[in-house]
C-alpha atoms as a PDB file:
ATOM      1  CA  MET A   1     -30.460 -42.656  29.918  1.00  0.00           C
ATOM      2  CA  LYS A   2     -27.253 -44.030  31.429  1.00  0.00           C
ATOM      3  CA  HIS A   3     -24.385 -45.308  29.306  1.00  0.00           C
ATOM      4  CA  SER A   4     -22.481 -48.309  30.528  1.00  0.00           C
ATOM      5  CA  GLY A   5     -19.194 -47.294  28.879  1.00  0.00           C
ATOM      6  CA  ASN A   6     -16.257 -45.839  30.755  1.00  0.00           C
ATOM      7  CA  HIS A   7     -15.810 -42.098  30.759  1.00  0.00           C
ATOM      8  CA  PRO A   8     -12.852 -39.996  31.877  1.00  0.00           C
ATOM      9  CA  GLY A   9     -12.975 -39.556  35.600  1.00  0.00           C
ATOM     10  CA  THR A  10     -14.822 -42.815  36.226  1.00  0.00           C
ATOM     11  CA  SER A  11     -13.301 -45.897  37.709  1.00  0.00           C
ATOM     12  CA  SER A  12     -12.319 -48.356  35.008  1.00  0.00           C
ATOM     13  CA  GLY A  13      -9.523 -50.157  36.767  1.00  0.00           C
ATOM     14  CA  LYS A  14      -6.958 -47.831  35.182  1.00  0.00           C
ATOM     15  CA  SER A  15      -5.569 -44.763  36.830  1.00  0.00           C
ATOM     16  CA  SER A  16      -5.568 -41.356  35.193  1.00  0.00           C
ATOM     17  CA  HIS A  17      -1.775 -41.761  35.058  1.00  0.00           C
ATOM     18  CA  ASP A  18      -2.251 -44.682  32.652  1.00  0.00           C
ATOM     19  CA  SER A  19      -4.379 -42.521  30.374  1.00  0.00           C
ATOM     20  CA  GLN A  20      -1.812 -39.744  30.381  1.00  0.00           C
ATOM     21  CA  GLY A  21       0.905 -42.218  29.387  1.00  0.00           C
ATOM     22  CA  VAL A  22      -1.136 -43.377  26.413  1.00  0.00           C
ATOM     23  CA  ALA A  23      -1.875 -39.809  25.365  1.00  0.00           C
ATOM     24  CA  SER A  24       1.791 -38.806  25.501  1.00  0.00           C
ATOM     25  CA  ARG A  25       2.799 -41.748  23.305  1.00  0.00           C
ATOM     26  CA  TYR A  26       0.433 -40.549  20.608  1.00  0.00           C
ATOM     27  CA  HIS A  27       1.331 -36.880  20.888  1.00  0.00           C
ATOM     28  CA  GLN A  28       1.865 -35.362  17.448  1.00  0.00           C
ATOM     29  CA  THR A  29       5.422 -34.311  16.651  1.00  0.00           C
ATOM     30  CA  ASP A  30       7.140 -32.840  13.622  1.00  0.00           C
ATOM     31  CA  SER A  31       8.926 -36.068  12.759  1.00  0.00           C
ATOM     32  CA  PRO A  32       7.851 -39.703  12.621  1.00  0.00           C
ATOM     33  CA  PRO A  33       8.936 -42.102  15.375  1.00  0.00           C
ATOM     34  CA  PRO A  34      12.469 -43.524  15.022  1.00  0.00           C
ATOM     35  CA  ASN A  35      11.283 -46.955  13.832  1.00  0.00           C
ATOM     36  CA  GLU A  36       9.252 -45.298  11.064  1.00  0.00           C
ATOM     37  CA  GLN A  37      12.262 -43.235   9.976  1.00  0.00           C
ATOM     38  CA  ILE A  38      14.446 -46.352   9.953  1.00  0.00           C
ATOM     39  CA  ARG A  39      11.798 -48.302   8.032  1.00  0.00           C
ATOM     40  CA  ARG A  40      11.592 -45.580   5.388  1.00  0.00           C
ATOM     41  CA  ARG A  41      15.365 -45.399   5.016  1.00  0.00           C
ATOM     42  CA  ALA A  42      15.649 -49.191   4.742  1.00  0.00           C
ATOM     43  CA  TYR A  43      13.061 -49.064   1.957  1.00  0.00           C
ATOM     44  CA  GLU A  44      15.051 -46.312   0.216  1.00  0.00           C
ATOM     45  CA  LEU A  45      18.126 -48.545   0.349  1.00  0.00           C
ATOM     46  CA  TYR A  46      16.110 -51.377  -1.191  1.00  0.00           C
ATOM     47  CA  ILE A  47      14.987 -49.049  -3.999  1.00  0.00           C
ATOM     48  CA  GLU A  48      18.547 -47.747  -4.520  1.00  0.00           C
ATOM     49  CA  GLN A  49      19.730 -51.345  -4.904  1.00  0.00           C
ATOM     50  CA  GLY A  50      17.321 -51.931  -7.791  1.00  0.00           C
ATOM     51  CA  ARG A  51      14.505 -53.554  -5.778  1.00  0.00           C
ATOM     52  CA  GLN A  52      16.381 -56.823  -5.711  1.00  0.00           C
ATOM     53  CA  PRO A  53      15.181 -59.309  -3.110  1.00  0.00           C
ATOM     54  CA  GLY A  54      17.846 -60.126  -0.653  1.00  0.00           C
ATOM     55  CA  ASP A  55      19.058 -58.825   2.622  1.00  0.00           C
ATOM     56  CA  ASP A  56      16.318 -56.767   4.213  1.00  0.00           C
ATOM     57  CA  VAL A  57      17.973 -57.218   7.610  1.00  0.00           C
ATOM     58  CA  ALA A  58      21.206 -55.653   6.319  1.00  0.00           C
ATOM     59  CA  ASP A  59      19.187 -52.733   4.885  1.00  0.00           C
ATOM     60  CA  TRP A  60      17.440 -52.257   8.238  1.00  0.00           C
ATOM     61  CA  LEU A  61      20.725 -52.377  10.166  1.00  0.00           C
ATOM     62  CA  GLN A  62      22.346 -49.871   7.804  1.00  0.00           C
ATOM     63  CA  ALA A  63      19.360 -47.547   8.120  1.00  0.00           C
ATOM     64  CA  GLU A  64      19.483 -47.912  11.904  1.00  0.00           C
ATOM     65  CA  ARG A  65      23.209 -47.064  11.964  1.00  0.00           C
ATOM     66  CA  GLU A  66      22.583 -43.993   9.811  1.00  0.00           C
ATOM     67  CA  TYR A  67      19.762 -42.897  12.112  1.00  0.00           C
ATOM     68  CA  LEU A  68      21.898 -43.317  15.233  1.00  0.00           C
ATOM     69  CA  ASP A  69      24.842 -41.478  13.631  1.00  0.00           C
ATOM     70  CA  HIS A  70      22.604 -38.477  12.904  1.00  0.00           C
ATOM     71  CA  SER A  71      20.723 -38.329  16.170  1.00  0.00           C
END
């Protein structure tokens, strides 16, 4: 029985280079991606400020500055 789905090595309109690019983006590392680290720190700032609604953008920007200062 033949399957109609695309398999590695078959022509699907994408080159093998495209597939390698996708695989490298999802490669497991020891630390989360920068945006995830920034998101977590911004949430920590929100918690530290007593979970008061307000300036989530300021929290994000502060977390981003901290990330950039330590990288």
